[in-house]
Amino acid sequence: MTRENELQAAITCKCLECSCGMRGEVRDCKLKSCALWPYRPYQRAKVVSAARETPRGRQMDVFEVLEAIG
């Protein structure tokens, strides 16, 4: 398993914990102030790409998000 896969698995676990294990709640999460919101699992691809945009228009990667919250 690559480091990026491990990080995505950790994000998935945290999101499921926050939503009491309900995948639909993770997908429909409204908590946009959460640093993990753009990276949450079970969402449509177009939402992911739009949400990951930085103010300068550059897309953040998982490592940058984890560094920002960590």
PDB file of N, CA and C in Angstrom:
ATOM      1  N   MET A   1       0.855  -1.177   0.000  1.00  0.00           N
ATOM      2  CA  MET A   1       0.000   0.000   0.000  1.00  0.00           C
ATOM      3  C   MET A   1       0.901   1.241   0.000  1.00  0.00           C
ATOM      4  N   THR A   2       0.615   2.171  -0.894  1.00  0.00           N
ATOM      5  CA  THR A   2       1.423   3.382  -0.967  1.00  0.00           C
ATOM      6  C   THR A   2       1.038   4.351   0.141  1.00  0.00           C
ATOM      7  N   ARG A   3       1.903   5.329   0.360  1.00  0.00           N
ATOM      8  CA  ARG A   3       1.632   6.320   1.410  1.00  0.00           C
ATOM      9  C   ARG A   3       0.334   7.079   1.129  1.00  0.00           C
ATOM     10  N   GLU A   4       0.096   7.421  -0.121  1.00  0.00           N
ATOM     11  CA  GLU A   4      -1.137   8.135  -0.456  1.00  0.00           C
ATOM     12  C   GLU A   4      -2.365   7.276  -0.180  1.00  0.00           C
ATOM     13  N   ASN A   5      -2.277   5.987  -0.470  1.00  0.00           N
ATOM     14  CA  ASN A   5      -3.393   5.081  -0.168  1.00  0.00           C
ATOM     15  C   ASN A   5      -3.623   4.980   1.335  1.00  0.00           C
ATOM     16  N   GLU A   6      -2.537   4.954   2.105  1.00  0.00           N
ATOM     17  CA  GLU A   6      -2.662   4.905   3.562  1.00  0.00           C
ATOM     18  C   GLU A   6      -3.325   6.167   4.090  1.00  0.00           C
ATOM     19  N   LEU A   7      -2.965   7.309   3.529  1.00  0.00           N
ATOM     20  CA  LEU A   7      -3.567   8.572   3.962  1.00  0.00           C
ATOM     21  C   LEU A   7      -5.050   8.624   3.608  1.00  0.00           C
ATOM     22  N   GLN A   8      -5.385   8.160   2.409  1.00  0.00           N
ATOM     23  CA  GLN A   8      -6.792   8.150   2.019  1.00  0.00           C
ATOM     24  C   GLN A   8      -7.587   7.201   2.908  1.00  0.00           C
ATOM     25  N   ALA A   9      -6.996   6.067   3.291  1.00  0.00           N
ATOM     26  CA  ALA A   9      -7.669   5.135   4.192  1.00  0.00           C
ATOM     27  C   ALA A   9      -7.897   5.769   5.557  1.00  0.00           C
ATOM     28  N   ALA A  10      -6.923   6.550   6.031  1.00  0.00           N
ATOM     29  CA  ALA A  10      -7.076   7.240   7.312  1.00  0.00           C
ATOM     30  C   ALA A  10      -8.186   8.280   7.244  1.00  0.00           C
ATOM     31  N   ILE A  11      -8.264   9.001   6.139  1.00  0.00           N
ATOM     32  CA  ILE A  11      -9.329   9.991   5.955  1.00  0.00           C
ATOM     33  C   ILE A  11     -10.686   9.298   5.930  1.00  0.00           C
ATOM     34  N   THR A  12     -10.770   8.188   5.222  1.00  0.00           N
ATOM     35  CA  THR A  12     -12.018   7.419   5.168  1.00  0.00           C
ATOM     36  C   THR A  12     -12.452   6.992   6.563  1.00  0.00           C
ATOM     37  N   CYS A  13     -11.510   6.477   7.348  1.00  0.00           N
ATOM     38  CA  CYS A  13     -11.836   6.047   8.720  1.00  0.00           C
ATOM     39  C   CYS A  13     -12.327   7.210   9.565  1.00  0.00           C
ATOM     40  N   LYS A  14     -11.666   8.356   9.456  1.00  0.00           N
ATOM     41  CA  LYS A  14     -12.061   9.529  10.252  1.00  0.00           C
ATOM     42  C   LYS A  14     -13.451  10.011   9.846  1.00  0.00           C
ATOM     43  N   CYS A  15     -13.713  10.057   8.549  1.00  0.00           N
ATOM     44  CA  CYS A  15     -15.034  10.494   8.081  1.00  0.00           C
ATOM     45  C   CYS A  15     -16.130   9.535   8.544  1.00  0.00           C
ATOM     46  N   LEU A  16     -15.868   8.244   8.463  1.00  0.00           N
ATOM     47  CA  LEU A  16     -16.858   7.268   8.918  1.00  0.00           C
ATOM     48  C   LEU A  16     -17.076   7.366  10.425  1.00  0.00           C
ATOM     49  N   GLU A  17     -16.011   7.626  11.163  1.00  0.00           N
ATOM     50  CA  GLU A  17     -16.149   7.808  12.610  1.00  0.00           C
ATOM     51  C   GLU A  17     -17.025   9.023  12.913  1.00  0.00           C
ATOM     52  N   CYS A  18     -16.782  10.101  12.219  1.00  0.00           N
ATOM     53  CA  CYS A  18     -17.538  11.344  12.429  1.00  0.00           C
ATOM     54  C   CYS A  18     -19.019  11.157  12.095  1.00  0.00           C
ATOM     55  N   SER A  19     -19.313  10.321  11.094  1.00  0.00           N
ATOM     56  CA  SER A  19     -20.695  10.135  10.651  1.00  0.00           C
ATOM     57  C   SER A  19     -21.335   8.872  11.220  1.00  0.00           C
ATOM     58  N   CYS A  20     -20.755   8.321  12.271  1.00  0.00           N
ATOM     59  CA  CYS A  20     -21.274   7.098  12.912  1.00  0.00           C
ATOM     60  C   CYS A  20     -21.376   5.927  11.944  1.00  0.00           C
ATOM     61  N   GLY A  21     -20.419   5.849  11.015  1.00  0.00           N
ATOM     62  CA  GLY A  21     -20.343   4.717  10.101  1.00  0.00           C
ATOM     63  C   GLY A  21     -21.312   4.751   8.933  1.00  0.00           C
ATOM     64  N   MET A  22     -21.960   5.871   8.706  1.00  0.00           N
ATOM     65  CA  MET A  22     -22.958   5.960   7.639  1.00  0.00           C
ATOM     66  C   MET A  22     -22.349   6.598   6.397  1.00  0.00           C
ATOM     67  N   ARG A  23     -22.117   5.786   5.367  1.00  0.00           N
ATOM     68  CA  ARG A  23     -21.473   6.254   4.143  1.00  0.00           C
ATOM     69  C   ARG A  23     -22.240   7.395   3.477  1.00  0.00           C
ATOM     70  N   GLY A  24     -23.554   7.309   3.492  1.00  0.00           N
ATOM     71  CA  GLY A  24     -24.371   8.367   2.890  1.00  0.00           C
ATOM     72  C   GLY A  24     -24.181   9.699   3.591  1.00  0.00           C
ATOM     73  N   GLU A  25     -23.996   9.664   4.891  1.00  0.00           N
ATOM     74  CA  GLU A  25     -23.752  10.897   5.646  1.00  0.00           C
ATOM     75  C   GLU A  25     -22.404  11.505   5.281  1.00  0.00           C
ATOM     76  N   VAL A  26     -21.414  10.647   5.025  1.00  0.00           N
ATOM     77  CA  VAL A  26     -20.099  11.141   4.601  1.00  0.00           C
ATOM     78  C   VAL A  26     -20.233  11.812   3.238  1.00  0.00           C
ATOM     79  N   ARG A  27     -20.896  11.154   2.311  1.00  0.00           N
ATOM     80  CA  ARG A  27     -21.075  11.691   0.961  1.00  0.00           C
ATOM     81  C   ARG A  27     -21.826  13.020   0.986  1.00  0.00           C
ATOM     82  N   ASP A  28     -22.836  13.129   1.839  1.00  0.00           N
ATOM     83  CA  ASP A  28     -23.678  14.327   1.883  1.00  0.00           C
ATOM     84  C   ASP A  28     -23.246  15.326   2.950  1.00  0.00           C
ATOM     85  N   CYS A  29     -22.061  15.166   3.496  1.00  0.00           N
ATOM     86  CA  CYS A  29     -21.567  16.025   4.576  1.00  0.00           C
ATOM     87  C   CYS A  29     -21.643  17.499   4.191  1.00  0.00           C
ATOM     88  N   LYS A  30     -22.120  18.308   5.102  1.00  0.00           N
ATOM     89  CA  LYS A  30     -22.252  19.755   4.875  1.00  0.00           C
ATOM     90  C   LYS A  30     -21.200  20.559   5.636  1.00  0.00           C
ATOM     91  N   LEU A  31     -20.323  19.878   6.361  1.00  0.00           N
ATOM     92  CA  LEU A  31     -19.333  20.545   7.211  1.00  0.00           C
ATOM     93  C   LEU A  31     -18.122  20.977   6.386  1.00  0.00           C
ATOM     94  N   LYS A  32     -18.314  21.991   5.551  1.00  0.00           N
ATOM     95  CA  LYS A  32     -17.265  22.443   4.642  1.00  0.00           C
ATOM     96  C   LYS A  32     -16.085  23.087   5.365  1.00  0.00           C
ATOM     97  N   SER A  33     -16.237  23.422   6.631  1.00  0.00           N
ATOM     98  CA  SER A  33     -15.123  23.989   7.384  1.00  0.00           C
ATOM     99  C   SER A  33     -14.113  22.920   7.801  1.00  0.00           C
ATOM    100  N   CYS A  34     -14.470  21.660   7.677  1.00  0.00           N
ATOM    101  CA  CYS A  34     -13.558  20.557   7.994  1.00  0.00           C
ATOM    102  C   CYS A  34     -12.467  20.503   6.931  1.00  0.00           C
ATOM    103  N   ALA A  35     -11.221  20.407   7.368  1.00  0.00           N
ATOM    104  CA  ALA A  35     -10.099  20.354   6.425  1.00  0.00           C
ATOM    105  C   ALA A  35     -10.131  19.103   5.554  1.00  0.00           C
ATOM    106  N   LEU A  36     -10.802  18.061   6.003  1.00  0.00           N
ATOM    107  CA  LEU A  36     -10.876  16.828   5.231  1.00  0.00           C
ATOM    108  C   LEU A  36     -12.055  16.801   4.267  1.00  0.00           C
ATOM    109  N   TRP A  37     -12.925  17.791   4.329  1.00  0.00           N
ATOM    110  CA  TRP A  37     -14.148  17.789   3.521  1.00  0.00           C
ATOM    111  C   TRP A  37     -13.887  17.545   2.030  1.00  0.00           C
ATOM    112  N   PRO A  38     -12.911  18.214   1.421  1.00  0.00           N
ATOM    113  CA  PRO A  38     -12.700  17.977  -0.017  1.00  0.00           C
ATOM    114  C   PRO A  38     -12.209  16.565  -0.333  1.00  0.00           C
ATOM    115  N   TYR A  39     -11.681  15.869   0.653  1.00  0.00           N
ATOM    116  CA  TYR A  39     -11.072  14.564   0.441  1.00  0.00           C
ATOM    117  C   TYR A  39     -11.925  13.418   0.959  1.00  0.00           C
ATOM    118  N   ARG A  40     -13.136  13.719   1.422  1.00  0.00           N
ATOM    119  CA  ARG A  40     -13.976  12.667   1.995  1.00  0.00           C
ATOM    120  C   ARG A  40     -14.330  11.653   0.914  1.00  0.00           C
ATOM    121  N   PRO A  41     -14.506  10.421   1.323  1.00  0.00           N
ATOM    122  CA  PRO A  41     -14.834   9.370   0.354  1.00  0.00           C
ATOM    123  C   PRO A  41     -16.308   9.406  -0.032  1.00  0.00           C
ATOM    124  N   TYR A  42     -16.652   8.564  -1.001  1.00  0.00           N
ATOM    125  CA  TYR A  42     -18.046   8.324  -1.423  1.00  0.00           C
ATOM    126  C   TYR A  42     -18.703   9.545  -2.058  1.00  0.00           C
ATOM    127  N   GLN A  43     -17.921  10.405  -2.700  1.00  0.00           N
ATOM    128  CA  GLN A  43     -18.511  11.566  -3.361  1.00  0.00           C
ATOM    129  C   GLN A  43     -18.264  11.500  -4.861  1.00  0.00           C
ATOM    130  N   ARG A  44     -18.970  12.315  -5.558  1.00  0.00           N
ATOM    131  CA  ARG A  44     -18.818  12.351  -7.009  1.00  0.00           C
ATOM    132  C   ARG A  44     -17.497  13.027  -7.380  1.00  0.00           C
ATOM    133  N   ALA A  45     -16.882  12.584  -8.461  1.00  0.00           N
ATOM    134  CA  ALA A  45     -15.567  13.080  -8.869  1.00  0.00           C
ATOM    135  C   ALA A  45     -15.578  14.584  -9.156  1.00  0.00           C
ATOM    136  N   LYS A  46     -16.646  15.115  -9.743  1.00  0.00           N
ATOM    137  CA  LYS A  46     -16.657  16.542 -10.058  1.00  0.00           C
ATOM    138  C   LYS A  46     -16.677  17.394  -8.792  1.00  0.00           C
ATOM    139  N   VAL A  47     -17.269  16.900  -7.732  1.00  0.00           N
ATOM    140  CA  VAL A  47     -17.267  17.624  -6.461  1.00  0.00           C
ATOM    141  C   VAL A  47     -15.855  17.660  -5.891  1.00  0.00           C
ATOM    142  N   VAL A  48     -15.141  16.564  -5.991  1.00  0.00           N
ATOM    143  CA  VAL A  48     -13.778  16.483  -5.473  1.00  0.00           C
ATOM    144  C   VAL A  48     -12.886  17.496  -6.164  1.00  0.00           C
ATOM    145  N   SER A  49     -12.904  17.526  -7.479  1.00  0.00           N
ATOM    146  CA  SER A  49     -12.002  18.430  -8.188  1.00  0.00           C
ATOM    147  C   SER A  49     -12.348  19.887  -7.925  1.00  0.00           C
ATOM    148  N   ALA A  50     -13.611  20.229  -7.802  1.00  0.00           N
ATOM    149  CA  ALA A  50     -13.989  21.608  -7.515  1.00  0.00           C
ATOM    150  C   ALA A  50     -13.631  22.009  -6.089  1.00  0.00           C
ATOM    151  N   ALA A  51     -13.790  21.106  -5.152  1.00  0.00           N
ATOM    152  CA  ALA A  51     -13.544  21.416  -3.748  1.00  0.00           C
ATOM    153  C   ALA A  51     -12.068  21.507  -3.414  1.00  0.00           C
ATOM    154  N   ARG A  52     -11.218  20.859  -4.162  1.00  0.00           N
ATOM    155  CA  ARG A  52      -9.787  20.851  -3.867  1.00  0.00           C
ATOM    156  C   ARG A  52      -9.052  22.060  -4.419  1.00  0.00           C
ATOM    157  N   GLU A  53      -9.731  22.924  -5.112  1.00  0.00           N
ATOM    158  CA  GLU A  53      -9.080  24.098  -5.677  1.00  0.00           C
ATOM    159  C   GLU A  53      -8.645  25.058  -4.576  1.00  0.00           C
ATOM    160  N   THR A  54      -7.448  25.561  -4.683  1.00  0.00           N
ATOM    161  CA  THR A  54      -6.962  26.563  -3.750  1.00  0.00           C
ATOM    162  C   THR A  54      -7.373  27.930  -4.273  1.00  0.00           C
ATOM    163  N   PRO A  55      -7.222  28.997  -3.464  1.00  0.00           N
ATOM    164  CA  PRO A  55      -7.578  30.324  -3.950  1.00  0.00           C
ATOM    165  C   PRO A  55      -6.834  30.723  -5.223  1.00  0.00           C
ATOM    166  N   ARG A  56      -5.646  30.186  -5.445  1.00  0.00           N
ATOM    167  CA  ARG A  56      -4.870  30.506  -6.636  1.00  0.00           C
ATOM    168  C   ARG A  56      -5.229  29.607  -7.813  1.00  0.00           C
ATOM    169  N   GLY A  57      -6.189  28.713  -7.623  1.00  0.00           N
ATOM    170  CA  GLY A  57      -6.623  27.843  -8.696  1.00  0.00           C
ATOM    171  C   GLY A  57      -5.839  26.554  -8.813  1.00  0.00           C
ATOM    172  N   ARG A  58      -4.869  26.334  -7.938  1.00  0.00           N
ATOM    173  CA  ARG A  58      -4.073  25.111  -7.967  1.00  0.00           C
ATOM    174  C   ARG A  58      -4.733  24.076  -7.075  1.00  0.00           C
ATOM    175  N   GLN A  59      -4.726  22.848  -7.489  1.00  0.00           N
ATOM    176  CA  GLN A  59      -5.356  21.776  -6.728  1.00  0.00           C
ATOM    177  C   GLN A  59      -4.408  21.287  -5.631  1.00  0.00           C
ATOM    178  N   MET A  60      -4.909  21.197  -4.394  1.00  0.00           N
ATOM    179  CA  MET A  60      -4.121  20.688  -3.275  1.00  0.00           C
ATOM    180  C   MET A  60      -4.091  19.167  -3.342  1.00  0.00           C
ATOM    181  N   ASP A  61      -3.008  18.577  -2.851  1.00  0.00           N
ATOM    182  CA  ASP A  61      -2.977  17.128  -2.755  1.00  0.00           C
ATOM    183  C   ASP A  61      -3.221  16.711  -1.305  1.00  0.00           C
ATOM    184  N   VAL A  62      -3.388  15.434  -1.080  1.00  0.00           N
ATOM    185  CA  VAL A  62      -3.705  14.906   0.250  1.00  0.00           C
ATOM    186  C   VAL A  62      -2.636  15.290   1.262  1.00  0.00           C
ATOM    187  N   PHE A  63      -1.375  15.260   0.849  1.00  0.00           N
ATOM    188  CA  PHE A  63      -0.287  15.580   1.764  1.00  0.00           C
ATOM    189  C   PHE A  63      -0.367  17.033   2.239  1.00  0.00           C
ATOM    190  N   GLU A  64      -0.706  17.960   1.351  1.00  0.00           N
ATOM    191  CA  GLU A  64      -0.834  19.372   1.735  1.00  0.00           C
ATOM    192  C   GLU A  64      -1.965  19.576   2.733  1.00  0.00           C
ATOM    193  N   VAL A  65      -3.060  18.890   2.536  1.00  0.00           N
ATOM    194  CA  VAL A  65      -4.191  19.018   3.458  1.00  0.00           C
ATOM    195  C   VAL A  65      -3.807  18.496   4.839  1.00  0.00           C
ATOM    196  N   LEU A  66      -3.201  17.329   4.876  1.00  0.00           N
ATOM    197  CA  LEU A  66      -2.808  16.773   6.171  1.00  0.00           C
ATOM    198  C   LEU A  66      -1.777  17.633   6.868  1.00  0.00           C
ATOM    199  N   GLU A  67      -0.881  18.242   6.116  1.00  0.00           N
ATOM    200  CA  GLU A  67       0.090  19.161   6.706  1.00  0.00           C
ATOM    201  C   GLU A  67      -0.609  20.401   7.272  1.00  0.00           C
ATOM    202  N   ALA A  68      -1.607  20.888   6.589  1.00  0.00           N
ATOM    203  CA  ALA A  68      -2.324  22.086   7.023  1.00  0.00           C
ATOM    204  C   ALA A  68      -3.115  21.847   8.304  1.00  0.00           C
ATOM    205  N   ILE A  69      -3.641  20.634   8.469  1.00  0.00           N
ATOM    206  CA  ILE A  69      -4.448  20.371   9.659  1.00  0.00           C
ATOM    207  C   ILE A  69      -3.624  19.806  10.805  1.00  0.00           C
ATOM    208  N   GLY A  70      -2.376  19.421  10.504  1.00  0.00           N
ATOM    209  CA  GLY A  70      -1.638  18.672  11.465  1.00  0.00           C
ATOM    210  C   GLY A  70      -0.668  19.274  12.327  1.00  0.00           C
TER     211      GLY A  70
END
